[in-house]
Amino acid sequence: MREDGAPNLPANSCGDCGLCCKLMGVTALQKPTGKWCRRFSKAGGCAIYDERPDDCRVFNCLWLLTEALDEGWKPTTAGFVLHSERDGARLIVECDAARPHDWRREPYETTLRRWAAAPGQEVLVFAGSRGVRLGDPDALVRRV
């Protein structure tokens, strides 16, 4: 609840995005990472939204939650989904395999590298199981 008594609402809304429905794996639905969920359609969104599994229910795209990220950071515009782990200390950039290098476009790369340079912050960029930990120097990483 905000100070003025109004409810806290997401800064943005999914609209026709749904890129998380492609990039994220959902064990409960046997939906693999990188494949469109068969329950999602661009015209209708999630067909099982009210009954969606916890995997989907607890996922939070940072573009939805962060007022500081403008329309340019919307996943369908940027080509990636941002989410965090470790109470925000690890930022994950999930790239669409069809657009694996979009994170290198500006303002994304400069901003992601600035975030990676902040004390206690880790930024991992993934396209499938392969990724890079941004730093000086960058380090190749793989998902386990």
C-alpha atoms as a PDB file:
ATOM      1  CA  MET A   1       0.000   0.000   0.000  1.00  0.00           C
ATOM      2  CA  ARG A   2       1.346   3.443  -0.929  1.00  0.00           C
ATOM      3  CA  GLU A   3       1.526   6.318   1.561  1.00  0.00           C
ATOM      4  CA  ASP A   4      -1.581   7.866  -0.014  1.00  0.00           C
ATOM      5  CA  GLY A   5      -3.534   4.647   0.656  1.00  0.00           C
ATOM      6  CA  ALA A   6      -3.645   3.544  -2.977  1.00  0.00           C
ATOM      7  CA  PRO A   7      -2.629  -0.042  -3.763  1.00  0.00           C
ATOM      8  CA  ASN A   8       0.845  -0.775  -5.114  1.00  0.00           C
ATOM      9  CA  LEU A   9       0.367  -1.618  -8.774  1.00  0.00           C
ATOM     10  CA  PRO A  10       2.977  -2.770 -11.267  1.00  0.00           C
ATOM     11  CA  ALA A  11       4.717   0.128 -12.999  1.00  0.00           C
ATOM     12  CA  ASN A  12       3.914  -1.380 -16.412  1.00  0.00           C
ATOM     13  CA  SER A  13       1.628  -4.071 -17.774  1.00  0.00           C
ATOM     14  CA  CYS A  14       2.311  -7.093 -19.955  1.00  0.00           C
ATOM     15  CA  GLY A  15      -0.127  -6.118 -22.671  1.00  0.00           C
ATOM     16  CA  ASP A  16       0.772  -8.199 -25.726  1.00  0.00           C
ATOM     17  CA  CYS A  17       4.291  -9.015 -24.499  1.00  0.00           C
ATOM     18  CA  GLY A  18       4.401 -12.489 -22.915  1.00  0.00           C
ATOM     19  CA  LEU A  19       8.088 -13.008 -23.793  1.00  0.00           C
ATOM     20  CA  CYS A  20       8.508 -14.715 -20.411  1.00  0.00           C
ATOM     21  CA  CYS A  21       6.020 -17.312 -21.733  1.00  0.00           C
ATOM     22  CA  LYS A  22       8.653 -18.196 -24.330  1.00  0.00           C
ATOM     23  CA  LEU A  23      11.935 -17.749 -22.495  1.00  0.00           C
ATOM     24  CA  MET A  24      11.192 -19.212 -19.068  1.00  0.00           C
ATOM     25  CA  GLY A  25      10.805 -22.936 -18.403  1.00  0.00           C
ATOM     26  CA  VAL A  26       7.756 -24.041 -16.410  1.00  0.00           C
ATOM     27  CA  THR A  27       8.210 -27.434 -14.786  1.00  0.00           C
ATOM     28  CA  ALA A  28       4.566 -27.753 -13.724  1.00  0.00           C
ATOM     29  CA  LEU A  29       3.463 -27.367 -17.362  1.00  0.00           C
ATOM     30  CA  GLN A  30       6.351 -29.415 -18.791  1.00  0.00           C
ATOM     31  CA  LYS A  31       7.170 -26.299 -20.819  1.00  0.00           C
ATOM     32  CA  PRO A  32      10.827 -26.148 -21.850  1.00  0.00           C
ATOM     33  CA  THR A  33      12.928 -23.002 -21.759  1.00  0.00           C
ATOM     34  CA  GLY A  34      12.989 -21.131 -25.069  1.00  0.00           C
ATOM     35  CA  LYS A  35       9.735 -22.535 -26.465  1.00  0.00           C
ATOM     36  CA  TRP A  36       6.421 -20.688 -26.547  1.00  0.00           C
ATOM     37  CA  CYS A  37       3.921 -21.902 -23.981  1.00  0.00           C
ATOM     38  CA  ARG A  38       0.995 -23.439 -25.833  1.00  0.00           C
ATOM     39  CA  ARG A  39      -1.350 -21.684 -23.400  1.00  0.00           C
ATOM     40  CA  PHE A  40      -0.194 -18.205 -24.488  1.00  0.00           C
ATOM     41  CA  SER A  41      -1.465 -16.244 -27.468  1.00  0.00           C
ATOM     42  CA  LYS A  42      -0.547 -12.704 -28.390  1.00  0.00           C
ATOM     43  CA  ALA A  43      -4.207 -11.841 -28.895  1.00  0.00           C
ATOM     44  CA  GLY A  44      -5.507 -13.401 -25.688  1.00  0.00           C
ATOM     45  CA  GLY A  45      -2.575 -13.629 -23.281  1.00  0.00           C
ATOM     46  CA  CYS A  46      -2.451 -16.588 -20.914  1.00  0.00           C
ATOM     47  CA  ALA A  47      -5.401 -18.943 -21.328  1.00  0.00           C
ATOM     48  CA  ILE A  48      -4.902 -20.351 -17.809  1.00  0.00           C
ATOM     49  CA  TYR A  49      -3.962 -17.122 -16.018  1.00  0.00           C
ATOM     50  CA  ASP A  50      -6.340 -17.607 -13.061  1.00  0.00           C
ATOM     51  CA  GLU A  51      -5.160 -21.227 -12.619  1.00  0.00           C
ATOM     52  CA  ARG A  52      -1.526 -20.747 -13.656  1.00  0.00           C
ATOM     53  CA  PRO A  53       1.030 -22.764 -11.674  1.00  0.00           C
ATOM     54  CA  ASP A  54       3.195 -21.283  -8.941  1.00  0.00           C
ATOM     55  CA  ASP A  55       6.211 -21.208 -11.305  1.00  0.00           C
ATOM     56  CA  CYS A  56       4.345 -18.587 -13.344  1.00  0.00           C
ATOM     57  CA  ARG A  57       2.594 -16.927 -10.414  1.00  0.00           C
ATOM     58  CA  VAL A  58       5.809 -16.061  -8.550  1.00  0.00           C
ATOM     59  CA  PHE A  59       7.824 -14.928 -11.586  1.00  0.00           C
ATOM     60  CA  ASN A  60       8.380 -11.188 -11.727  1.00  0.00           C
ATOM     61  CA  CYS A  61       9.712  -9.469 -14.818  1.00  0.00           C
ATOM     62  CA  LEU A  62      11.634  -6.426 -13.618  1.00  0.00           C
ATOM     63  CA  TRP A  63      10.184  -4.282 -16.396  1.00  0.00           C
ATOM     64  CA  LEU A  64       6.768  -4.808 -14.841  1.00  0.00           C
ATOM     65  CA  LEU A  65       7.962  -3.839 -11.387  1.00  0.00           C
ATOM     66  CA  THR A  66      10.423  -1.014 -11.997  1.00  0.00           C
ATOM     67  CA  GLU A  67       9.192   2.475 -12.804  1.00  0.00           C
ATOM     68  CA  ALA A  68      12.734   3.482 -13.812  1.00  0.00           C
ATOM     69  CA  LEU A  69      12.605   1.125 -16.827  1.00  0.00           C
ATOM     70  CA  ASP A  70      10.790   2.879 -19.663  1.00  0.00           C
ATOM     71  CA  GLU A  71       9.013   1.400 -22.704  1.00  0.00           C
ATOM     72  CA  GLY A  72      12.384   0.756 -24.352  1.00  0.00           C
ATOM     73  CA  TRP A  73      13.015  -1.939 -21.731  1.00  0.00           C
ATOM     74  CA  LYS A  74       9.743  -3.772 -22.423  1.00  0.00           C
ATOM     75  CA  PRO A  75      10.846  -7.350 -23.202  1.00  0.00           C
ATOM     76  CA  THR A  76       9.347  -7.452 -26.700  1.00  0.00           C
ATOM     77  CA  THR A  77      11.142  -4.196 -27.525  1.00  0.00           C
ATOM     78  CA  ALA A  78      14.445  -5.038 -25.819  1.00  0.00           C
ATOM     79  CA  GLY A  79      14.552  -8.703 -26.921  1.00  0.00           C
ATOM     80  CA  PHE A  80      15.149  -9.973 -23.387  1.00  0.00           C
ATOM     81  CA  VAL A  81      13.458 -10.440 -20.028  1.00  0.00           C
ATOM     82  CA  LEU A  82      15.050  -9.092 -16.848  1.00  0.00           C
ATOM     83  CA  HIS A  83      14.593 -10.829 -13.515  1.00  0.00           C
ATOM     84  CA  SER A  84      16.570 -11.079 -10.316  1.00  0.00           C
ATOM     85  CA  GLU A  85      17.757 -13.625  -7.788  1.00  0.00           C
ATOM     86  CA  ARG A  86      19.448 -13.414  -4.392  1.00  0.00           C
ATOM     87  CA  ASP A  87      17.270 -10.519  -3.216  1.00  0.00           C
ATOM     88  CA  GLY A  88      18.290  -8.445  -6.226  1.00  0.00           C
ATOM     89  CA  ALA A  89      22.041  -9.046  -5.934  1.00  0.00           C
ATOM     90  CA  ARG A  90      21.983 -11.087  -9.157  1.00  0.00           C
ATOM     91  CA  LEU A  91      20.337  -9.680 -12.262  1.00  0.00           C
ATOM     92  CA  ILE A  92      19.516 -12.185 -14.997  1.00  0.00           C
ATOM     93  CA  VAL A  93      19.089 -11.073 -18.597  1.00  0.00           C
ATOM     94  CA  GLU A  94      17.185 -13.822 -20.466  1.00  0.00           C
ATOM     95  CA  CYS A  95      17.756 -13.229 -24.183  1.00  0.00           C
ATOM     96  CA  ASP A  96      15.471 -14.501 -26.900  1.00  0.00           C
ATOM     97  CA  ALA A  97      17.521 -17.011 -28.934  1.00  0.00           C
ATOM     98  CA  ALA A  98      16.098 -15.360 -32.059  1.00  0.00           C
ATOM     99  CA  ARG A  99      17.724 -12.092 -30.874  1.00  0.00           C
ATOM    100  CA  PRO A 100      20.672 -13.214 -28.699  1.00  0.00           C
ATOM    101  CA  HIS A 101      22.740 -10.049 -29.092  1.00  0.00           C
ATOM    102  CA  ASP A 102      20.025  -7.441 -28.546  1.00  0.00           C
ATOM    103  CA  TRP A 103      21.366  -6.761 -25.047  1.00  0.00           C
ATOM    104  CA  ARG A 104      24.435  -5.239 -26.743  1.00  0.00           C
ATOM    105  CA  ARG A 105      22.348  -2.455 -28.297  1.00  0.00           C
ATOM    106  CA  GLU A 106      22.250   0.892 -26.532  1.00  0.00           C
ATOM    107  CA  PRO A 107      21.198   1.883 -23.984  1.00  0.00           C
ATOM    108  CA  TYR A 108      21.126  -1.724 -22.764  1.00  0.00           C
ATOM    109  CA  GLU A 109      24.797  -2.720 -22.783  1.00  0.00           C
ATOM    110  CA  THR A 110      26.039   0.476 -21.138  1.00  0.00           C
ATOM    111  CA  THR A 111      23.342   0.295 -18.469  1.00  0.00           C
ATOM    112  CA  LEU A 112      23.844  -3.419 -17.782  1.00  0.00           C
ATOM    113  CA  ARG A 113      27.605  -2.921 -17.480  1.00  0.00           C
ATOM    114  CA  ARG A 114      27.081   0.005 -15.102  1.00  0.00           C
ATOM    115  CA  TRP A 115      24.836  -2.188 -12.947  1.00  0.00           C
ATOM    116  CA  ALA A 116      27.415  -5.013 -13.070  1.00  0.00           C
ATOM    117  CA  ALA A 117      30.098  -2.632 -11.799  1.00  0.00           C
ATOM    118  CA  ALA A 118      28.069  -1.714  -8.696  1.00  0.00           C
ATOM    119  CA  PRO A 119      29.397  -3.247  -5.461  1.00  0.00           C
ATOM    120  CA  GLY A 120      27.679  -6.535  -4.613  1.00  0.00           C
ATOM    121  CA  GLN A 121      25.820  -6.709  -7.948  1.00  0.00           C
ATOM    122  CA  GLU A 122      26.178  -9.545 -10.454  1.00  0.00           C
ATOM    123  CA  VAL A 123      24.761  -9.394 -13.987  1.00  0.00           C
ATOM    124  CA  LEU A 124      24.408 -12.597 -16.016  1.00  0.00           C
ATOM    125  CA  VAL A 125      23.300 -12.521 -19.653  1.00  0.00           C
ATOM    126  CA  PHE A 126      21.935 -15.792 -21.043  1.00  0.00           C
ATOM    127  CA  ALA A 127      20.802 -17.027 -24.433  1.00  0.00           C
ATOM    128  CA  GLY A 128      19.713 -20.569 -23.647  1.00  0.00           C
ATOM    129  CA  SER A 129      22.250 -22.390 -21.483  1.00  0.00           C
ATOM    130  CA  ARG A 130      25.195 -20.233 -22.532  1.00  0.00           C
ATOM    131  CA  GLY A 131      25.890 -16.936 -20.926  1.00  0.00           C
ATOM    132  CA  VAL A 132      28.304 -14.294 -19.808  1.00  0.00           C
ATOM    133  CA  ARG A 133      28.929 -12.711 -16.418  1.00  0.00           C
ATOM    134  CA  LEU A 134      29.522  -9.039 -17.101  1.00  0.00           C
ATOM    135  CA  GLY A 135      32.657  -7.692 -15.515  1.00  0.00           C
ATOM    136  CA  ASP A 136      36.210  -6.692 -16.134  1.00  0.00           C
ATOM    137  CA  PRO A 137      36.843  -9.016 -17.843  1.00  0.00           C
ATOM    138  CA  ASP A 138      33.599 -10.724 -18.818  1.00  0.00           C
ATOM    139  CA  ALA A 139      33.466 -14.429 -17.976  1.00  0.00           C
ATOM    140  CA  LEU A 140      31.681 -17.168 -19.894  1.00  0.00           C
ATOM    141  CA  VAL A 141      29.148 -19.130 -17.824  1.00  0.00           C
ATOM    142  CA  ARG A 142      26.807 -22.071 -18.375  1.00  0.00           C
ATOM    143  CA  ARG A 143      23.562 -22.918 -16.685  1.00  0.00           C
ATOM    144  CA  VAL A 144      23.550 -26.069 -14.636  1.00  0.00           C
END
